[in-house]
Amino acid sequence: MCLLIQIKFLMKKSNLGVMESTIETLVELAKCGDKGALETLIRKIQDRVYGLAIRMLYYPADAEDATQEILVKIITQLSNFRQECKFDTWIYRIASNHLLNTKKRRAECMELTFKQYEEQIDKGLAQSKVKAPLEAEQNLLTEEIMIRCMQGMLLCFDRDLRIAFILGGVFDVSSDEAADILHIKPSAFRKCYSRARTRIRNFMTRKCGLFNTVNPCRCSLQAEQAVKTGWVNPDNLLFATHPTNPLKNVNNAERIQEMNELERVAALFRCHPDYAAPETFVREIKKLIDSGEFRVFDH
């Protein structure tokens, strides 16, 4: 009895359908040529790949393109997965390698620095005016500015520091696993992550009102200048209206302020939305699978 038949027999015996099956089962079924299992597998992993891509590349459209490319790589390399590591680790390894080596995207071409960011914040505060309580639309705009600002901070890092901070600070990946993902020693990852975390903490300590309530900067006070300069288009918000998944274990603002500085940095970034990948990914991948263009699982 071949592996595919064995797995399907066990699933039928336990009344386990494809949608409810484990990642490991889906991987084995997909490797045996089961198209339904492959589509389900893509649905299960696409959000985390997209979440990594959008934090690395900033613009959702660029993250979508990169995610499509990464998912194709995962499919075409799936037969090489030998369970020598966790499947999640294997996914992050392919995604991180792609994002570290892909061509520079438009947000990265701005070549932002923390010094430039400080200047923008000061200019926004200088131009701000005392306003009435925020309406619903203005609250949405404030959320957009908050997310954009923190996403933009990541662009002040080179790619190596950026991926280290995202893996360790946002996705809470252990240093051993992150080192495995990036093909470096755990000590090298810890050094890289520590440097990134220290730089972003120092910046937020000086400027961010969310991080340090003594600071005068508030996201709502940056709204006028952001719209005026075209940094934010109220009719085309990138993040505040982006499809998301429910967040788990979210810390409230009061709890975040009680944390020490290093914990607070990670907590603020983890409070960002859990972005949901566009549904078009699965449709496009399904077309690719059905096209017969790639004979991925031939043995």
C-alpha atoms as a PDB file:
ATOM      1  CA  MET A   1       0.000   0.000   0.000  1.00  0.00           C
ATOM      2  CA  CYS A   2       1.576   3.350  -1.046  1.00  0.00           C
ATOM      3  CA  LEU A   3       1.957   6.193   1.436  1.00  0.00           C
ATOM      4  CA  LEU A   4      -0.893   8.210  -0.083  1.00  0.00           C
ATOM      5  CA  ILE A   5      -3.336   5.303   0.255  1.00  0.00           C
ATOM      6  CA  GLN A   6      -2.152   4.620   3.822  1.00  0.00           C
ATOM      7  CA  ILE A   7      -2.706   8.229   4.884  1.00  0.00           C
ATOM      8  CA  LYS A   8      -6.145   8.456   3.266  1.00  0.00           C
ATOM      9  CA  PHE A   9      -7.127   5.144   4.851  1.00  0.00           C
ATOM     10  CA  LEU A  10      -6.114   6.412   8.309  1.00  0.00           C
ATOM     11  CA  MET A  11      -7.937   9.710   7.732  1.00  0.00           C
ATOM     12  CA  LYS A  12     -11.100   7.892   6.693  1.00  0.00           C
ATOM     13  CA  LYS A  13     -10.837   5.537   9.654  1.00  0.00           C
ATOM     14  CA  SER A  14     -10.543   8.465  12.077  1.00  0.00           C
ATOM     15  CA  ASN A  15     -13.097  10.602  10.178  1.00  0.00           C
ATOM     16  CA  LEU A  16     -10.384  13.210   9.651  1.00  0.00           C
ATOM     17  CA  GLY A  17     -11.118  15.358   6.587  1.00  0.00           C
ATOM     18  CA  VAL A  18      -8.559  17.292   4.577  1.00  0.00           C
ATOM     19  CA  MET A  19      -9.517  20.653   6.084  1.00  0.00           C
ATOM     20  CA  GLU A  20      -9.101  19.306   9.654  1.00  0.00           C
ATOM     21  CA  SER A  21      -5.943  17.295   9.028  1.00  0.00           C
ATOM     22  CA  THR A  22      -2.625  18.247  10.579  1.00  0.00           C
ATOM     23  CA  ILE A  23       0.120  20.086   8.745  1.00  0.00           C
ATOM     24  CA  GLU A  24       2.253  16.940   8.750  1.00  0.00           C
ATOM     25  CA  THR A  25      -0.533  14.903   7.145  1.00  0.00           C
ATOM     26  CA  LEU A  26      -1.189  17.583   4.537  1.00  0.00           C
ATOM     27  CA  VAL A  27       2.496  17.734   3.658  1.00  0.00           C
ATOM     28  CA  GLU A  28       2.666  13.979   3.102  1.00  0.00           C
ATOM     29  CA  LEU A  29      -0.537  13.958   1.057  1.00  0.00           C
ATOM     30  CA  ALA A  30       0.684  16.889  -1.047  1.00  0.00           C
ATOM     31  CA  LYS A  31       4.027  15.187  -1.641  1.00  0.00           C
ATOM     32  CA  CYS A  32       2.102  12.184  -2.944  1.00  0.00           C
ATOM     33  CA  GLY A  33       0.294  14.383  -5.469  1.00  0.00           C
ATOM     34  CA  ASP A  34      -2.978  15.216  -3.663  1.00  0.00           C
ATOM     35  CA  LYS A  35      -4.028  18.602  -5.102  1.00  0.00           C
ATOM     36  CA  GLY A  36      -6.729  19.191  -2.489  1.00  0.00           C
ATOM     37  CA  ALA A  37      -4.242  18.670   0.318  1.00  0.00           C
ATOM     38  CA  LEU A  38      -1.810  21.059  -1.343  1.00  0.00           C
ATOM     39  CA  GLU A  39      -4.437  23.802  -1.637  1.00  0.00           C
ATOM     40  CA  THR A  40      -5.400  23.318   2.010  1.00  0.00           C
ATOM     41  CA  LEU A  41      -1.733  23.438   3.027  1.00  0.00           C
ATOM     42  CA  ILE A  42      -1.274  26.743   1.190  1.00  0.00           C
ATOM     43  CA  ARG A  43      -4.306  28.174   2.987  1.00  0.00           C
ATOM     44  CA  LYS A  44      -2.817  27.191   6.334  1.00  0.00           C
ATOM     45  CA  ILE A  45       0.597  28.770   5.723  1.00  0.00           C
ATOM     46  CA  GLN A  46      -0.121  31.783   3.504  1.00  0.00           C
ATOM     47  CA  ASP A  47      -0.925  34.232   6.314  1.00  0.00           C
ATOM     48  CA  ARG A  48       2.363  33.739   8.159  1.00  0.00           C
ATOM     49  CA  VAL A  49       4.353  34.046   4.909  1.00  0.00           C
ATOM     50  CA  TYR A  50       2.455  37.208   4.008  1.00  0.00           C
ATOM     51  CA  GLY A  51       2.881  38.575   7.547  1.00  0.00           C
ATOM     52  CA  LEU A  52       6.639  38.201   7.250  1.00  0.00           C
ATOM     53  CA  ALA A  53       6.700  39.728   3.765  1.00  0.00           C
ATOM     54  CA  ILE A  54       4.616  42.806   4.620  1.00  0.00           C
ATOM     55  CA  ARG A  55       6.840  43.640   7.591  1.00  0.00           C
ATOM     56  CA  MET A  56       9.940  43.285   5.451  1.00  0.00           C
ATOM     57  CA  LEU A  57       8.663  45.194   2.401  1.00  0.00           C
ATOM     58  CA  TYR A  58       6.096  47.634   3.895  1.00  0.00           C
ATOM     59  CA  TYR A  59       3.739  47.977   0.925  1.00  0.00           C
ATOM     60  CA  PRO A  60       0.978  45.313   0.769  1.00  0.00           C
ATOM     61  CA  ALA A  61       1.213  45.088  -3.036  1.00  0.00           C
ATOM     62  CA  ASP A  62       4.935  44.319  -2.861  1.00  0.00           C
ATOM     63  CA  ALA A  63       4.316  41.828  -0.053  1.00  0.00           C
ATOM     64  CA  GLU A  64       1.643  40.122  -2.182  1.00  0.00           C
ATOM     65  CA  ASP A  65       4.059  39.708  -5.089  1.00  0.00           C
ATOM     66  CA  ALA A  66       6.789  38.349  -2.824  1.00  0.00           C
ATOM     67  CA  THR A  67       4.367  35.977  -1.107  1.00  0.00           C
ATOM     68  CA  GLN A  68       3.240  34.553  -4.445  1.00  0.00           C
ATOM     69  CA  GLU A  69       6.882  33.924  -5.346  1.00  0.00           C
ATOM     70  CA  ILE A  70       7.585  32.317  -1.955  1.00  0.00           C
ATOM     71  CA  LEU A  71       4.536  30.040  -2.133  1.00  0.00           C
ATOM     72  CA  VAL A  72       5.603  28.815  -5.570  1.00  0.00           C
ATOM     73  CA  LYS A  73       9.053  28.048  -4.139  1.00  0.00           C
ATOM     74  CA  ILE A  74       7.476  26.148  -1.248  1.00  0.00           C
ATOM     75  CA  ILE A  75       5.395  24.084  -3.655  1.00  0.00           C
ATOM     76  CA  THR A  76       8.259  23.313  -5.999  1.00  0.00           C
ATOM     77  CA  GLN A  77      10.586  22.383  -3.134  1.00  0.00           C
ATOM     78  CA  LEU A  78       8.051  20.494  -1.032  1.00  0.00           C
ATOM     79  CA  SER A  79       9.263  17.078  -2.196  1.00  0.00           C
ATOM     80  CA  ASN A  80      12.651  17.927  -0.631  1.00  0.00           C
ATOM     81  CA  PHE A  81      11.190  18.417   2.847  1.00  0.00           C
ATOM     82  CA  ARG A  82      12.448  15.524   4.963  1.00  0.00           C
ATOM     83  CA  GLN A  83      11.124  16.475   8.427  1.00  0.00           C
ATOM     84  CA  GLU A  84      14.648  17.139   9.706  1.00  0.00           C
ATOM     85  CA  CYS A  85      13.182  20.338  11.183  1.00  0.00           C
ATOM     86  CA  LYS A  86       9.696  21.630  11.964  1.00  0.00           C
ATOM     87  CA  PHE A  87       7.652  22.487   8.885  1.00  0.00           C
ATOM     88  CA  ASP A  88       7.178  26.040  10.204  1.00  0.00           C
ATOM     89  CA  THR A  89      10.948  26.428  10.414  1.00  0.00           C
ATOM     90  CA  TRP A  90      11.309  25.147   6.860  1.00  0.00           C
ATOM     91  CA  ILE A  91       8.684  27.638   5.613  1.00  0.00           C
ATOM     92  CA  TYR A  92      10.359  30.575   7.365  1.00  0.00           C
ATOM     93  CA  ARG A  93      13.720  29.471   5.961  1.00  0.00           C
ATOM     94  CA  ILE A  94      12.470  29.598   2.371  1.00  0.00           C
ATOM     95  CA  ALA A  95      10.579  32.859   2.960  1.00  0.00           C
ATOM     96  CA  SER A  96      13.464  34.579   4.764  1.00  0.00           C
ATOM     97  CA  ASN A  97      15.994  33.529   2.157  1.00  0.00           C
ATOM     98  CA  HIS A  98      13.764  34.891  -0.597  1.00  0.00           C
ATOM     99  CA  LEU A  99      13.126  38.190   1.193  1.00  0.00           C
ATOM    100  CA  LEU A 100      16.810  38.685   1.990  1.00  0.00           C
ATOM    101  CA  ASN A 101      17.832  38.151  -1.620  1.00  0.00           C
ATOM    102  CA  THR A 102      14.961  39.588  -3.630  1.00  0.00           C
ATOM    103  CA  LYS A 103      15.438  42.822  -5.536  1.00  0.00           C
ATOM    104  CA  LYS A 104      15.022  46.085  -3.617  1.00  0.00           C
ATOM    105  CA  ARG A 105      11.381  47.079  -3.403  1.00  0.00           C
ATOM    106  CA  ARG A 106      10.056  50.647  -3.519  1.00  0.00           C
ATOM    107  CA  ALA A 107       9.890  51.268   0.249  1.00  0.00           C
ATOM    108  CA  GLU A 108      13.502  50.166   0.654  1.00  0.00           C
ATOM    109  CA  CYS A 109      14.570  52.548  -2.109  1.00  0.00           C
ATOM    110  CA  MET A 110      13.738  55.455   0.238  1.00  0.00           C
ATOM    111  CA  GLU A 111      16.753  54.375   2.335  1.00  0.00           C
ATOM    112  CA  LEU A 112      15.284  55.718   5.578  1.00  0.00           C
ATOM    113  CA  THR A 113      17.367  56.366   8.678  1.00  0.00           C
ATOM    114  CA  PHE A 114      16.305  56.926  12.275  1.00  0.00           C
ATOM    115  CA  LYS A 115      17.690  60.480  12.033  1.00  0.00           C
ATOM    116  CA  GLN A 116      15.367  61.229   9.104  1.00  0.00           C
ATOM    117  CA  TYR A 117      12.491  59.694  11.033  1.00  0.00           C
ATOM    118  CA  GLU A 118      13.160  61.964  14.001  1.00  0.00           C
ATOM    119  CA  GLU A 119      13.135  64.980  11.709  1.00  0.00           C
ATOM    120  CA  GLN A 120       9.789  63.918  10.204  1.00  0.00           C
ATOM    121  CA  ILE A 121       8.267  63.478  13.665  1.00  0.00           C
ATOM    122  CA  ASP A 122       9.471  66.899  14.812  1.00  0.00           C
ATOM    123  CA  LYS A 123       8.132  68.520  11.636  1.00  0.00           C
ATOM    124  CA  GLY A 124       4.758  66.826  12.076  1.00  0.00           C
ATOM    125  CA  LEU A 125       4.483  68.054  15.665  1.00  0.00           C
ATOM    126  CA  ALA A 126       5.464  71.589  14.645  1.00  0.00           C
ATOM    127  CA  GLN A 127       2.702  71.652  12.022  1.00  0.00           C
ATOM    128  CA  SER A 128       0.009  70.112  14.230  1.00  0.00           C
ATOM    129  CA  LYS A 129      -2.870  72.062  15.715  1.00  0.00           C
ATOM    130  CA  VAL A 130      -5.047  71.408  18.749  1.00  0.00           C
ATOM    131  CA  LYS A 131      -8.076  69.527  17.473  1.00  0.00           C
ATOM    132  CA  ALA A 132     -11.515  68.513  18.717  1.00  0.00           C
ATOM    133  CA  PRO A 133     -12.097  64.912  19.795  1.00  0.00           C
ATOM    134  CA  LEU A 134     -11.490  62.519  16.926  1.00  0.00           C
ATOM    135  CA  GLU A 135     -14.347  61.250  14.794  1.00  0.00           C
ATOM    136  CA  ALA A 136     -14.494  57.632  13.618  1.00  0.00           C
ATOM    137  CA  GLU A 137     -12.718  58.430  10.351  1.00  0.00           C
ATOM    138  CA  GLN A 138      -9.976  60.311  12.186  1.00  0.00           C
ATOM    139  CA  ASN A 139      -9.540  57.410  14.599  1.00  0.00           C
ATOM    140  CA  LEU A 140      -8.991  55.154  11.598  1.00  0.00           C
ATOM    141  CA  LEU A 141      -6.460  57.634  10.236  1.00  0.00           C
ATOM    142  CA  THR A 142      -4.662  57.695  13.585  1.00  0.00           C
ATOM    143  CA  GLU A 143      -4.457  53.897  13.556  1.00  0.00           C
ATOM    144  CA  GLU A 144      -3.062  54.030  10.026  1.00  0.00           C
ATOM    145  CA  ILE A 145      -0.360  56.491  11.069  1.00  0.00           C
ATOM    146  CA  MET A 146       0.567  54.414  14.115  1.00  0.00           C
ATOM    147  CA  ILE A 147       1.030  51.248  12.066  1.00  0.00           C
ATOM    148  CA  ARG A 148       2.808  53.052   9.218  1.00  0.00           C
ATOM    149  CA  CYS A 149       5.179  54.734  11.636  1.00  0.00           C
ATOM    150  CA  MET A 150       6.183  51.495  13.326  1.00  0.00           C
ATOM    151  CA  GLN A 151       6.382  49.618  10.023  1.00  0.00           C
ATOM    152  CA  GLY A 152       8.565  52.461   8.760  1.00  0.00           C
ATOM    153  CA  MET A 153      10.935  52.054  11.705  1.00  0.00           C
ATOM    154  CA  LEU A 154      11.738  48.584  10.402  1.00  0.00           C
ATOM    155  CA  LEU A 155      12.857  50.132   7.108  1.00  0.00           C
ATOM    156  CA  CYS A 156      15.569  52.031   8.992  1.00  0.00           C
ATOM    157  CA  PHE A 157      17.363  48.691   9.401  1.00  0.00           C
ATOM    158  CA  ASP A 158      19.292  46.867   6.728  1.00  0.00           C
ATOM    159  CA  ARG A 159      17.697  43.571   5.740  1.00  0.00           C
ATOM    160  CA  ASP A 160      19.752  41.435   8.119  1.00  0.00           C
ATOM    161  CA  LEU A 161      18.755  43.453  11.187  1.00  0.00           C
ATOM    162  CA  ARG A 162      15.177  43.782   9.945  1.00  0.00           C
ATOM    163  CA  ILE A 163      14.627  40.036   9.514  1.00  0.00           C
ATOM    164  CA  ALA A 164      16.276  39.360  12.890  1.00  0.00           C
ATOM    165  CA  PHE A 165      13.956  41.810  14.672  1.00  0.00           C
ATOM    166  CA  ILE A 166      10.852  40.500  12.895  1.00  0.00           C
ATOM    167  CA  LEU A 167      11.632  36.856  13.670  1.00  0.00           C
ATOM    168  CA  GLY A 168      12.655  37.452  17.281  1.00  0.00           C
ATOM    169  CA  GLY A 169      10.591  40.486  18.253  1.00  0.00           C
ATOM    170  CA  VAL A 170       7.386  40.084  16.260  1.00  0.00           C
ATOM    171  CA  PHE A 171       7.047  36.335  15.677  1.00  0.00           C
ATOM    172  CA  ASP A 172       8.768  35.373  18.949  1.00  0.00           C
ATOM    173  CA  VAL A 173      10.979  32.751  17.288  1.00  0.00           C
ATOM    174  CA  SER A 174      13.644  31.320  19.598  1.00  0.00           C
ATOM    175  CA  SER A 175      17.286  32.164  18.904  1.00  0.00           C
ATOM    176  CA  ASP A 176      18.069  28.526  18.066  1.00  0.00           C
ATOM    177  CA  GLU A 177      15.204  28.259  15.591  1.00  0.00           C
ATOM    178  CA  ALA A 178      15.917  31.686  14.072  1.00  0.00           C
ATOM    179  CA  ALA A 179      19.559  30.741  13.634  1.00  0.00           C
ATOM    180  CA  ASP A 180      18.432  27.571  11.836  1.00  0.00           C
ATOM    181  CA  ILE A 181      16.132  29.629   9.612  1.00  0.00           C
ATOM    182  CA  LEU A 182      18.889  32.106   8.701  1.00  0.00           C
ATOM    183  CA  HIS A 183      21.750  29.560   8.502  1.00  0.00           C
ATOM    184  CA  ILE A 184      23.800  31.322  11.171  1.00  0.00           C
ATOM    185  CA  LYS A 185      24.969  30.451  14.687  1.00  0.00           C
ATOM    186  CA  PRO A 186      22.559  31.149  17.580  1.00  0.00           C
ATOM    187  CA  SER A 187      25.120  33.532  19.101  1.00  0.00           C
ATOM    188  CA  ALA A 188      25.245  35.474  15.821  1.00  0.00           C
ATOM    189  CA  PHE A 189      21.453  35.746  15.738  1.00  0.00           C
ATOM    190  CA  ARG A 190      21.287  36.908  19.361  1.00  0.00           C
ATOM    191  CA  LYS A 191      23.869  39.593  18.641  1.00  0.00           C
ATOM    192  CA  CYS A 192      21.985  40.766  15.539  1.00  0.00           C
ATOM    193  CA  TYR A 193      18.607  40.767  17.291  1.00  0.00           C
ATOM    194  CA  SER A 194      19.996  42.557  20.342  1.00  0.00           C
ATOM    195  CA  ARG A 195      21.511  45.280  18.173  1.00  0.00           C
ATOM    196  CA  ALA A 196      18.235  45.820  16.297  1.00  0.00           C
ATOM    197  CA  ARG A 197      16.146  45.826  19.473  1.00  0.00           C
ATOM    198  CA  THR A 198      18.483  48.299  21.179  1.00  0.00           C
ATOM    199  CA  ARG A 199      18.434  50.705  18.241  1.00  0.00           C
ATOM    200  CA  ILE A 200      14.660  50.695  17.958  1.00  0.00           C
ATOM    201  CA  ARG A 201      14.246  50.985  21.744  1.00  0.00           C
ATOM    202  CA  ASN A 202      16.575  54.015  21.852  1.00  0.00           C
ATOM    203  CA  PHE A 203      14.638  55.678  19.050  1.00  0.00           C
ATOM    204  CA  MET A 204      11.242  55.036  20.622  1.00  0.00           C
ATOM    205  CA  THR A 205      12.502  56.162  24.036  1.00  0.00           C
ATOM    206  CA  ARG A 206      13.408  59.544  22.531  1.00  0.00           C
ATOM    207  CA  LYS A 207      10.402  60.065  20.272  1.00  0.00           C
ATOM    208  CA  CYS A 208       7.433  57.705  20.611  1.00  0.00           C
ATOM    209  CA  GLY A 209       4.544  58.711  22.881  1.00  0.00           C
ATOM    210  CA  LEU A 210       3.170  55.163  22.786  1.00  0.00           C
ATOM    211  CA  PHE A 211       6.430  53.817  24.165  1.00  0.00           C
ATOM    212  CA  ASN A 212       7.231  56.660  26.560  1.00  0.00           C
ATOM    213  CA  THR A 213       4.261  58.787  27.630  1.00  0.00           C
ATOM    214  CA  VAL A 214       6.602  61.684  28.473  1.00  0.00           C
ATOM    215  CA  ASN A 215       7.232  62.218  24.773  1.00  0.00           C
ATOM    216  CA  PRO A 216       4.917  64.790  23.121  1.00  0.00           C
ATOM    217  CA  CYS A 217       4.424  62.816  19.908  1.00  0.00           C
ATOM    218  CA  ARG A 218       1.004  61.259  19.431  1.00  0.00           C
ATOM    219  CA  CYS A 219      -0.174  59.537  16.279  1.00  0.00           C
ATOM    220  CA  SER A 220      -3.239  61.798  16.118  1.00  0.00           C
ATOM    221  CA  LEU A 221      -1.011  64.892  16.090  1.00  0.00           C
ATOM    222  CA  GLN A 222       0.840  63.624  13.012  1.00  0.00           C
ATOM    223  CA  ALA A 223      -2.339  63.242  10.948  1.00  0.00           C
ATOM    224  CA  GLU A 224      -2.519  66.718   9.451  1.00  0.00           C
ATOM    225  CA  GLN A 225       1.066  66.760   8.205  1.00  0.00           C
ATOM    226  CA  ALA A 226       0.859  63.146   6.988  1.00  0.00           C
ATOM    227  CA  VAL A 227      -2.133  63.916   4.783  1.00  0.00           C
ATOM    228  CA  LYS A 228      -0.749  67.272   3.658  1.00  0.00           C
ATOM    229  CA  THR A 229       2.526  65.769   2.456  1.00  0.00           C
ATOM    230  CA  GLY A 230       0.800  62.799   0.809  1.00  0.00           C
ATOM    231  CA  TRP A 231       2.409  60.258   3.142  1.00  0.00           C
ATOM    232  CA  VAL A 232      -1.111  59.048   3.963  1.00  0.00           C
ATOM    233  CA  ASN A 233      -4.083  59.080   1.608  1.00  0.00           C
ATOM    234  CA  PRO A 234      -7.300  58.971   3.685  1.00  0.00           C
ATOM    235  CA  ASP A 235      -9.101  57.382   0.729  1.00  0.00           C
ATOM    236  CA  ASN A 236      -6.535  54.609   0.329  1.00  0.00           C
ATOM    237  CA  LEU A 237      -5.363  53.371   3.727  1.00  0.00           C
ATOM    238  CA  LEU A 238      -2.772  50.588   3.530  1.00  0.00           C
ATOM    239  CA  PHE A 239      -2.999  49.059   6.996  1.00  0.00           C
ATOM    240  CA  ALA A 240      -5.962  50.262   9.086  1.00  0.00           C
ATOM    241  CA  THR A 241      -8.492  48.722   6.678  1.00  0.00           C
ATOM    242  CA  HIS A 242      -6.391  45.700   5.702  1.00  0.00           C
ATOM    243  CA  PRO A 243      -8.089  42.281   6.174  1.00  0.00           C
ATOM    244  CA  THR A 244      -6.910  40.728   9.434  1.00  0.00           C
ATOM    245  CA  ASN A 245      -7.237  37.651  11.623  1.00  0.00           C
ATOM    246  CA  PRO A 246      -8.264  37.891  15.306  1.00  0.00           C
ATOM    247  CA  LEU A 247      -5.297  38.664  17.535  1.00  0.00           C
ATOM    248  CA  LYS A 248      -4.463  36.326  20.399  1.00  0.00           C
ATOM    249  CA  ASN A 249      -3.116  37.391  23.790  1.00  0.00           C
ATOM    250  CA  VAL A 250      -3.060  41.101  22.979  1.00  0.00           C
ATOM    251  CA  ASN A 251      -1.721  43.339  25.749  1.00  0.00           C
ATOM    252  CA  ASN A 252      -3.652  46.510  26.496  1.00  0.00           C
ATOM    253  CA  ALA A 253      -1.965  49.916  26.704  1.00  0.00           C
ATOM    254  CA  GLU A 254      -1.864  49.926  30.511  1.00  0.00           C
ATOM    255  CA  ARG A 255      -0.219  46.497  30.631  1.00  0.00           C
ATOM    256  CA  ILE A 256       2.361  47.549  28.030  1.00  0.00           C
ATOM    257  CA  GLN A 257       3.379  50.571  30.105  1.00  0.00           C
ATOM    258  CA  GLU A 258       4.040  48.268  33.082  1.00  0.00           C
ATOM    259  CA  MET A 259       6.592  46.241  31.109  1.00  0.00           C
ATOM    260  CA  ASN A 260      10.296  46.974  31.049  1.00  0.00           C
ATOM    261  CA  GLU A 261      11.641  48.763  27.977  1.00  0.00           C
ATOM    262  CA  LEU A 262      12.788  45.705  26.043  1.00  0.00           C
ATOM    263  CA  GLU A 263       9.507  43.877  26.643  1.00  0.00           C
ATOM    264  CA  ARG A 264       7.582  46.990  25.642  1.00  0.00           C
ATOM    265  CA  VAL A 265       9.291  47.200  22.237  1.00  0.00           C
ATOM    266  CA  ALA A 266       8.232  43.673  21.275  1.00  0.00           C
ATOM    267  CA  ALA A 267       4.745  44.069  22.785  1.00  0.00           C
ATOM    268  CA  LEU A 268       3.986  47.174  20.709  1.00  0.00           C
ATOM    269  CA  PHE A 269       4.996  45.464  17.476  1.00  0.00           C
ATOM    270  CA  ARG A 270       3.049  42.324  18.364  1.00  0.00           C
ATOM    271  CA  CYS A 271      -0.066  44.456  18.877  1.00  0.00           C
ATOM    272  CA  HIS A 272      -0.117  45.172  15.152  1.00  0.00           C
ATOM    273  CA  PRO A 273      -2.817  43.416  13.132  1.00  0.00           C
ATOM    274  CA  ASP A 274      -2.362  39.793  12.162  1.00  0.00           C
ATOM    275  CA  TYR A 275      -2.623  40.431   8.441  1.00  0.00           C
ATOM    276  CA  ALA A 276      -4.710  38.007   6.380  1.00  0.00           C
ATOM    277  CA  ALA A 277      -3.288  37.133   2.985  1.00  0.00           C
ATOM    278  CA  PRO A 278      -5.503  38.021  -0.005  1.00  0.00           C
ATOM    279  CA  GLU A 279      -7.761  35.198  -1.139  1.00  0.00           C
ATOM    280  CA  THR A 280      -6.325  35.570  -4.647  1.00  0.00           C
ATOM    281  CA  PHE A 281      -3.229  33.647  -3.511  1.00  0.00           C
ATOM    282  CA  VAL A 282      -5.013  30.321  -3.309  1.00  0.00           C
ATOM    283  CA  ARG A 283      -6.871  30.913  -6.580  1.00  0.00           C
ATOM    284  CA  GLU A 284      -3.648  31.717  -8.406  1.00  0.00           C
ATOM    285  CA  ILE A 285      -1.814  28.773  -6.853  1.00  0.00           C
ATOM    286  CA  LYS A 286      -4.728  26.491  -7.791  1.00  0.00           C
ATOM    287  CA  LYS A 287      -4.456  27.653 -11.398  1.00  0.00           C
ATOM    288  CA  LEU A 288      -0.755  26.898 -11.313  1.00  0.00           C
ATOM    289  CA  ILE A 289      -1.322  23.411  -9.891  1.00  0.00           C
ATOM    290  CA  ASP A 290      -4.047  22.616 -12.405  1.00  0.00           C
ATOM    291  CA  SER A 291      -2.111  24.022 -15.358  1.00  0.00           C
ATOM    292  CA  GLY A 292       0.298  21.086 -15.459  1.00  0.00           C
ATOM    293  CA  GLU A 293       3.102  23.556 -16.096  1.00  0.00           C
ATOM    294  CA  PHE A 294       5.072  22.228 -13.158  1.00  0.00           C
ATOM    295  CA  ARG A 295       5.354  18.496 -12.567  1.00  0.00           C
ATOM    296  CA  VAL A 296       6.299  19.159  -8.983  1.00  0.00           C
ATOM    297  CA  PHE A 297       5.713  15.829  -7.328  1.00  0.00           C
ATOM    298  CA  ASP A 298       7.013  13.375  -9.895  1.00  0.00           C
ATOM    299  CA  HIS A 299       9.190  10.715  -8.331  1.00  0.00           C
END
